[in-house]
Amino acid sequence: MKAIAYYQSLPISDVKSLQDIELPEPTAGDRDLLVEVKAISVNPVDTKIRQNVQPEDGAGKVLGWDVAG
């Protein structure tokens, strides 16, 4: 599945500040729902997280939890 991640807190004007990545398709467990996402949004909280939270070395941090399916 597609996702947007960052690997370090860079200025938003830097072309590497946000990167498109591919993640494994999620699977639903016994008490889960799997929703096909049709649209996403950028929440102001996402921008604050990107500015203040450094991902672990070599691991990208996926942003965005506001979706419509």
PDB file of N, CA and C in Angstrom:
ATOM      1  N   MET A   1       0.838  -1.172   0.000  1.00  0.00           N
ATOM      2  CA  MET A   1       0.000   0.000   0.000  1.00  0.00           C
ATOM      3  C   MET A   1       0.883   1.234   0.000  1.00  0.00           C
ATOM      4  N   LYS A   2       0.354   2.320  -0.480  1.00  0.00           N
ATOM      5  CA  LYS A   2       1.111   3.570  -0.522  1.00  0.00           C
ATOM      6  C   LYS A   2       0.999   4.299   0.814  1.00  0.00           C
ATOM      7  N   ALA A   3       2.063   5.005   1.166  1.00  0.00           N
ATOM      8  CA  ALA A   3       2.072   5.816   2.383  1.00  0.00           C
ATOM      9  C   ALA A   3       3.034   6.977   2.164  1.00  0.00           C
ATOM     10  N   ILE A   4       2.932   7.972   3.022  1.00  0.00           N
ATOM     11  CA  ILE A   4       3.851   9.110   3.004  1.00  0.00           C
ATOM     12  C   ILE A   4       4.595   9.096   4.329  1.00  0.00           C
ATOM     13  N   ALA A   5       5.921   9.189   4.245  1.00  0.00           N
ATOM     14  CA  ALA A   5       6.741   9.097   5.448  1.00  0.00           C
ATOM     15  C   ALA A   5       7.837  10.153   5.409  1.00  0.00           C
ATOM     16  N   TYR A   6       8.460  10.345   6.554  1.00  0.00           N
ATOM     17  CA  TYR A   6       9.666  11.169   6.608  1.00  0.00           C
ATOM     18  C   TYR A   6      10.724  10.407   7.382  1.00  0.00           C
ATOM     19  N   TYR A   7      11.984  10.676   7.040  1.00  0.00           N
ATOM     20  CA  TYR A   7      13.106   9.992   7.666  1.00  0.00           C
ATOM     21  C   TYR A   7      13.888  10.899   8.601  1.00  0.00           C
ATOM     22  N   GLN A   8      13.729  12.200   8.425  1.00  0.00           N
ATOM     23  CA  GLN A   8      14.306  13.188   9.330  1.00  0.00           C
ATOM     24  C   GLN A   8      13.521  14.478   9.178  1.00  0.00           C
ATOM     25  N   SER A   9      13.543  15.293  10.211  1.00  0.00           N
ATOM     26  CA  SER A   9      12.801  16.551  10.177  1.00  0.00           C
ATOM     27  C   SER A   9      13.568  17.569   9.347  1.00  0.00           C
ATOM     28  N   LEU A  10      13.131  17.745   8.113  1.00  0.00           N
ATOM     29  CA  LEU A  10      13.740  18.698   7.191  1.00  0.00           C
ATOM     30  C   LEU A  10      12.755  19.827   6.927  1.00  0.00           C
ATOM     31  N   PRO A  11      13.234  20.976   6.441  1.00  0.00           N
ATOM     32  CA  PRO A  11      12.298  22.030   6.034  1.00  0.00           C
ATOM     33  C   PRO A  11      11.342  21.489   4.970  1.00  0.00           C
ATOM     34  N   ILE A  12      10.095  21.900   5.011  1.00  0.00           N
ATOM     35  CA  ILE A  12       9.100  21.381   4.076  1.00  0.00           C
ATOM     36  C   ILE A  12       9.460  21.722   2.632  1.00  0.00           C
ATOM     37  N   SER A  13      10.293  22.729   2.414  1.00  0.00           N
ATOM     38  CA  SER A  13      10.721  23.094   1.061  1.00  0.00           C
ATOM     39  C   SER A  13      11.742  22.101   0.487  1.00  0.00           C
ATOM     40  N   ASP A  14      12.335  21.266   1.334  1.00  0.00           N
ATOM     41  CA  ASP A  14      13.299  20.261   0.880  1.00  0.00           C
ATOM     42  C   ASP A  14      12.552  19.124   0.179  1.00  0.00           C
ATOM     43  N   VAL A  15      13.015  18.721  -1.003  1.00  0.00           N
ATOM     44  CA  VAL A  15      12.325  17.676  -1.768  1.00  0.00           C
ATOM     45  C   VAL A  15      12.319  16.324  -1.042  1.00  0.00           C
ATOM     46  N   LYS A  16      13.201  16.126  -0.070  1.00  0.00           N
ATOM     47  CA  LYS A  16      13.246  14.871   0.677  1.00  0.00           C
ATOM     48  C   LYS A  16      12.485  14.947   2.003  1.00  0.00           C
ATOM     49  N   SER A  17      11.774  16.045   2.245  1.00  0.00           N
ATOM     50  CA  SER A  17      11.088  16.190   3.529  1.00  0.00           C
ATOM     51  C   SER A  17       9.964  15.176   3.696  1.00  0.00           C
ATOM     52  N   LEU A  18       9.242  14.869   2.630  1.00  0.00           N
ATOM     53  CA  LEU A  18       8.205  13.836   2.634  1.00  0.00           C
ATOM     54  C   LEU A  18       8.470  12.905   1.467  1.00  0.00           C
ATOM     55  N   GLN A  19       8.329  11.609   1.688  1.00  0.00           N
ATOM     56  CA  GLN A  19       8.638  10.641   0.637  1.00  0.00           C
ATOM     57  C   GLN A  19       7.511   9.623   0.501  1.00  0.00           C
ATOM     58  N   ASP A  20       7.190   9.278  -0.741  1.00  0.00           N
ATOM     59  CA  ASP A  20       6.234   8.214  -1.022  1.00  0.00           C
ATOM     60  C   ASP A  20       6.930   6.883  -0.777  1.00  0.00           C
ATOM     61  N   ILE A  21       6.278   6.006  -0.029  1.00  0.00           N
ATOM     62  CA  ILE A  21       6.843   4.683   0.237  1.00  0.00           C
ATOM     63  C   ILE A  21       5.764   3.622   0.012  1.00  0.00           C
ATOM     64  N   GLU A  22       6.191   2.383  -0.099  1.00  0.00           N
ATOM     65  CA  GLU A  22       5.285   1.237  -0.210  1.00  0.00           C
ATOM     66  C   GLU A  22       5.399   0.411   1.069  1.00  0.00           C
ATOM     67  N   LEU A  23       4.262   0.052   1.627  1.00  0.00           N
ATOM     68  CA  LEU A  23       4.201  -0.791   2.813  1.00  0.00           C
ATOM     69  C   LEU A  23       3.427  -2.066   2.485  1.00  0.00           C
ATOM     70  N   PRO A  24       3.628  -3.124   3.267  1.00  0.00           N
ATOM     71  CA  PRO A  24       2.848  -4.343   3.034  1.00  0.00           C
ATOM     72  C   PRO A  24       1.351  -4.069   3.216  1.00  0.00           C
ATOM     73  N   GLU A  25       0.525  -4.787   2.468  1.00  0.00           N
ATOM     74  CA  GLU A  25      -0.923  -4.657   2.620  1.00  0.00           C
ATOM     75  C   GLU A  25      -1.321  -5.093   4.030  1.00  0.00           C
ATOM     76  N   PRO A  26      -2.139  -4.309   4.717  1.00  0.00           N
ATOM     77  CA  PRO A  26      -2.565  -4.711   6.062  1.00  0.00           C
ATOM     78  C   PRO A  26      -3.581  -5.848   5.998  1.00  0.00           C
ATOM     79  N   THR A  27      -3.677  -6.579   7.082  1.00  0.00           N
ATOM     80  CA  THR A  27      -4.693  -7.623   7.188  1.00  0.00           C
ATOM     81  C   THR A  27      -5.540  -7.339   8.420  1.00  0.00           C
ATOM     82  N   ALA A  28      -6.809  -7.637   8.327  1.00  0.00           N
ATOM     83  CA  ALA A  28      -7.721  -7.416   9.447  1.00  0.00           C
ATOM     84  C   ALA A  28      -7.700  -8.621  10.375  1.00  0.00           C
ATOM     85  N   GLY A  29      -7.635  -8.343  11.663  1.00  0.00           N
ATOM     86  CA  GLY A  29      -7.724  -9.404  12.656  1.00  0.00           C
ATOM     87  C   GLY A  29      -9.178  -9.709  12.984  1.00  0.00           C
ATOM     88  N   ASP A  30      -9.388 -10.534  14.001  1.00  0.00           N
ATOM     89  CA  ASP A  30     -10.737 -10.952  14.381  1.00  0.00           C
ATOM     90  C   ASP A  30     -11.648  -9.785  14.763  1.00  0.00           C
ATOM     91  N   ARG A  31     -11.096  -8.747  15.332  1.00  0.00           N
ATOM     92  CA  ARG A  31     -11.910  -7.627  15.811  1.00  0.00           C
ATOM     93  C   ARG A  31     -11.608  -6.336  15.058  1.00  0.00           C
ATOM     94  N   ASP A  32     -11.119  -6.442  13.833  1.00  0.00           N
ATOM     95  CA  ASP A  32     -10.720  -5.286  13.035  1.00  0.00           C
ATOM     96  C   ASP A  32     -11.589  -5.141  11.796  1.00  0.00           C
ATOM     97  N   LEU A  33     -11.579  -3.938  11.255  1.00  0.00           N
ATOM     98  CA  LEU A  33     -12.160  -3.649   9.947  1.00  0.00           C
ATOM     99  C   LEU A  33     -11.041  -3.176   9.043  1.00  0.00           C
ATOM    100  N   LEU A  34     -11.071  -3.568   7.799  1.00  0.00           N
ATOM    101  CA  LEU A  34     -10.112  -3.088   6.813  1.00  0.00           C
ATOM    102  C   LEU A  34     -10.864  -2.148   5.880  1.00  0.00           C
ATOM    103  N   VAL A  35     -10.447  -0.883   5.834  1.00  0.00           N
ATOM    104  CA  VAL A  35     -11.133   0.150   5.062  1.00  0.00           C
ATOM    105  C   VAL A  35     -10.278   0.533   3.867  1.00  0.00           C
ATOM    106  N   GLU A  36     -10.879   0.592   2.682  1.00  0.00           N
ATOM    107  CA  GLU A  36     -10.177   1.077   1.494  1.00  0.00           C
ATOM    108  C   GLU A  36     -10.204   2.597   1.526  1.00  0.00           C
ATOM    109  N   VAL A  37      -9.031   3.209   1.586  1.00  0.00           N
ATOM    110  CA  VAL A  37      -8.925   4.664   1.693  1.00  0.00           C
ATOM    111  C   VAL A  37      -9.101   5.287   0.319  1.00  0.00           C
ATOM    112  N   LYS A  38      -9.982   6.274   0.246  1.00  0.00           N
ATOM    113  CA  LYS A  38     -10.242   6.994  -1.000  1.00  0.00           C
ATOM    114  C   LYS A  38      -9.633   8.393  -0.979  1.00  0.00           C
ATOM    115  N   ALA A  39      -9.462   8.965   0.218  1.00  0.00           N
ATOM    116  CA  ALA A  39      -8.921  10.324   0.328  1.00  0.00           C
ATOM    117  C   ALA A  39      -8.224  10.480   1.678  1.00  0.00           C
ATOM    118  N   ILE A  40      -7.242  11.369   1.708  1.00  0.00           N
ATOM    119  CA  ILE A  40      -6.529  11.681   2.943  1.00  0.00           C
ATOM    120  C   ILE A  40      -6.509  13.187   3.133  1.00  0.00           C
ATOM    121  N   SER A  41      -6.146  13.610   4.326  1.00  0.00           N
ATOM    122  CA  SER A  41      -5.969  15.039   4.578  1.00  0.00           C
ATOM    123  C   SER A  41      -4.724  15.223   5.431  1.00  0.00           C
ATOM    124  N   VAL A  42      -4.245  16.448   5.485  1.00  0.00           N
ATOM    125  CA  VAL A  42      -3.119  16.784   6.351  1.00  0.00           C
ATOM    126  C   VAL A  42      -3.689  17.540   7.540  1.00  0.00           C
ATOM    127  N   ASN A  43      -3.537  16.951   8.690  1.00  0.00           N
ATOM    128  CA  ASN A  43      -4.004  17.543   9.928  1.00  0.00           C
ATOM    129  C   ASN A  43      -2.875  18.406  10.488  1.00  0.00           C
ATOM    130  N   PRO A  44      -3.181  19.548  11.103  1.00  0.00           N
ATOM    131  CA  PRO A  44      -2.110  20.350  11.710  1.00  0.00           C
ATOM    132  C   PRO A  44      -1.254  19.554  12.698  1.00  0.00           C
ATOM    133  N   VAL A  45      -1.836  18.559  13.344  1.00  0.00           N
ATOM    134  CA  VAL A  45      -1.064  17.722  14.265  1.00  0.00           C
ATOM    135  C   VAL A  45       0.049  16.989  13.516  1.00  0.00           C
ATOM    136  N   ASP A  46      -0.225  16.553  12.283  1.00  0.00           N
ATOM    137  CA  ASP A  46       0.797  15.868  11.482  1.00  0.00           C
ATOM    138  C   ASP A  46       2.013  16.763  11.267  1.00  0.00           C
ATOM    139  N   THR A  47       1.788  18.043  11.002  1.00  0.00           N
ATOM    140  CA  THR A  47       2.910  18.951  10.770  1.00  0.00           C
ATOM    141  C   THR A  47       3.720  19.157  12.045  1.00  0.00           C
ATOM    142  N   LYS A  48       3.054  19.203  13.185  1.00  0.00           N
ATOM    143  CA  LYS A  48       3.764  19.360  14.463  1.00  0.00           C
ATOM    144  C   LYS A  48       4.585  18.112  14.778  1.00  0.00           C
ATOM    145  N   ILE A  49       4.022  16.939  14.502  1.00  0.00           N
ATOM    146  CA  ILE A  49       4.765  15.698  14.734  1.00  0.00           C
ATOM    147  C   ILE A  49       6.016  15.675  13.869  1.00  0.00           C
ATOM    148  N   ARG A  50       5.874  16.036  12.591  1.00  0.00           N
ATOM    149  CA  ARG A  50       7.023  16.014  11.678  1.00  0.00           C
ATOM    150  C   ARG A  50       8.112  16.970  12.152  1.00  0.00           C
ATOM    151  N   GLN A  51       7.733  18.090  12.730  1.00  0.00           N
ATOM    152  CA  GLN A  51       8.714  19.072  13.192  1.00  0.00           C
ATOM    153  C   GLN A  51       9.432  18.622  14.459  1.00  0.00           C
ATOM    154  N   ASN A  52       8.743  17.854  15.307  1.00  0.00           N
ATOM    155  CA  ASN A  52       9.262  17.606  16.651  1.00  0.00           C
ATOM    156  C   ASN A  52       9.645  16.167  16.970  1.00  0.00           C
ATOM    157  N   VAL A  53       9.298  15.213  16.129  1.00  0.00           N
ATOM    158  CA  VAL A  53       9.575  13.805  16.431  1.00  0.00           C
ATOM    159  C   VAL A  53      10.514  13.240  15.378  1.00  0.00           C
ATOM    160  N   GLN A  54      11.699  12.827  15.822  1.00  0.00           N
ATOM    161  CA  GLN A  54      12.663  12.202  14.914  1.00  0.00           C
ATOM    162  C   GLN A  54      12.372  10.708  14.837  1.00  0.00           C
ATOM    163  N   PRO A  55      12.267  10.148  13.631  1.00  0.00           N
ATOM    164  CA  PRO A  55      12.087   8.693  13.505  1.00  0.00           C
ATOM    165  C   PRO A  55      13.332   7.955  13.981  1.00  0.00           C
ATOM    166  N   GLU A  56      13.156   6.681  14.307  1.00  0.00           N
ATOM    167  CA  GLU A  56      14.306   5.854  14.660  1.00  0.00           C
ATOM    168  C   GLU A  56      15.224   5.753  13.452  1.00  0.00           C
ATOM    169  N   ASP A  57      16.512   5.540  13.691  1.00  0.00           N
ATOM    170  CA  ASP A  57      17.500   5.484  12.607  1.00  0.00           C
ATOM    171  C   ASP A  57      17.076   4.534  11.498  1.00  0.00           C
ATOM    172  N   GLY A  58      17.036   5.046  10.270  1.00  0.00           N
ATOM    173  CA  GLY A  58      16.744   4.236   9.100  1.00  0.00           C
ATOM    174  C   GLY A  58      15.278   3.892   8.891  1.00  0.00           C
ATOM    175  N   ALA A  59      14.445   4.192   9.863  1.00  0.00           N
ATOM    176  CA  ALA A  59      13.017   3.865   9.742  1.00  0.00           C
ATOM    177  C   ALA A  59      12.235   5.133   9.420  1.00  0.00           C
ATOM    178  N   GLY A  60      11.378   5.046   8.452  1.00  0.00           N
ATOM    179  CA  GLY A  60      10.521   6.179   8.143  1.00  0.00           C
ATOM    180  C   GLY A  60       9.333   6.223   9.081  1.00  0.00           C
ATOM    181  N   LYS A  61       8.881   7.424   9.388  1.00  0.00           N
ATOM    182  CA  LYS A  61       7.686   7.603  10.216  1.00  0.00           C
ATOM    183  C   LYS A  61       6.544   7.985   9.299  1.00  0.00           C
ATOM    184  N   VAL A  62       5.478   7.200   9.335  1.00  0.00           N
ATOM    185  CA  VAL A  62       4.308   7.460   8.494  1.00  0.00           C
ATOM    186  C   VAL A  62       3.444   8.509   9.169  1.00  0.00           C
ATOM    187  N   LEU A  63       3.067   9.498   8.389  1.00  0.00           N
ATOM    188  CA  LEU A  63       2.191  10.561   8.874  1.00  0.00           C
ATOM    189  C   LEU A  63       0.775  10.342   8.368  1.00  0.00           C
ATOM    190  N   GLY A  64      -0.164  10.941   9.047  1.00  0.00           N
ATOM    191  CA  GLY A  64      -1.532  10.990   8.556  1.00  0.00           C
ATOM    192  C   GLY A  64      -2.410   9.871   9.039  1.00  0.00           C
ATOM    193  N   TRP A  65      -3.444  10.251   9.744  1.00  0.00           N
ATOM    194  CA  TRP A  65      -4.419   9.281  10.228  1.00  0.00           C
ATOM    195  C   TRP A  65      -5.831   9.712   9.869  1.00  0.00           C
ATOM    196  N   ASP A  66      -5.973  10.869   9.235  1.00  0.00           N
ATOM    197  CA  ASP A  66      -7.290  11.360   8.830  1.00  0.00           C
ATOM    198  C   ASP A  66      -7.569  10.875   7.417  1.00  0.00           C
ATOM    199  N   VAL A  67      -8.527   9.971   7.281  1.00  0.00           N
ATOM    200  CA  VAL A  67      -8.817   9.374   5.978  1.00  0.00           C
ATOM    201  C   VAL A  67     -10.324   9.274   5.767  1.00  0.00           C
ATOM    202  N   ALA A  68     -10.698   9.087   4.519  1.00  0.00           N
ATOM    203  CA  ALA A  68     -12.088   8.781   4.157  1.00  0.00           C
ATOM    204  C   ALA A  68     -12.069   7.559   3.259  1.00  0.00           C
ATOM    205  N   GLY A  69     -12.979   6.637   3.526  1.00  0.00           N
ATOM    206  CA  GLY A  69     -12.998   5.412   2.742  1.00  0.00           C
ATOM    207  C   GLY A  69     -14.354   5.144   2.149  1.00  0.00           C
TER     208      GLY A  69
END
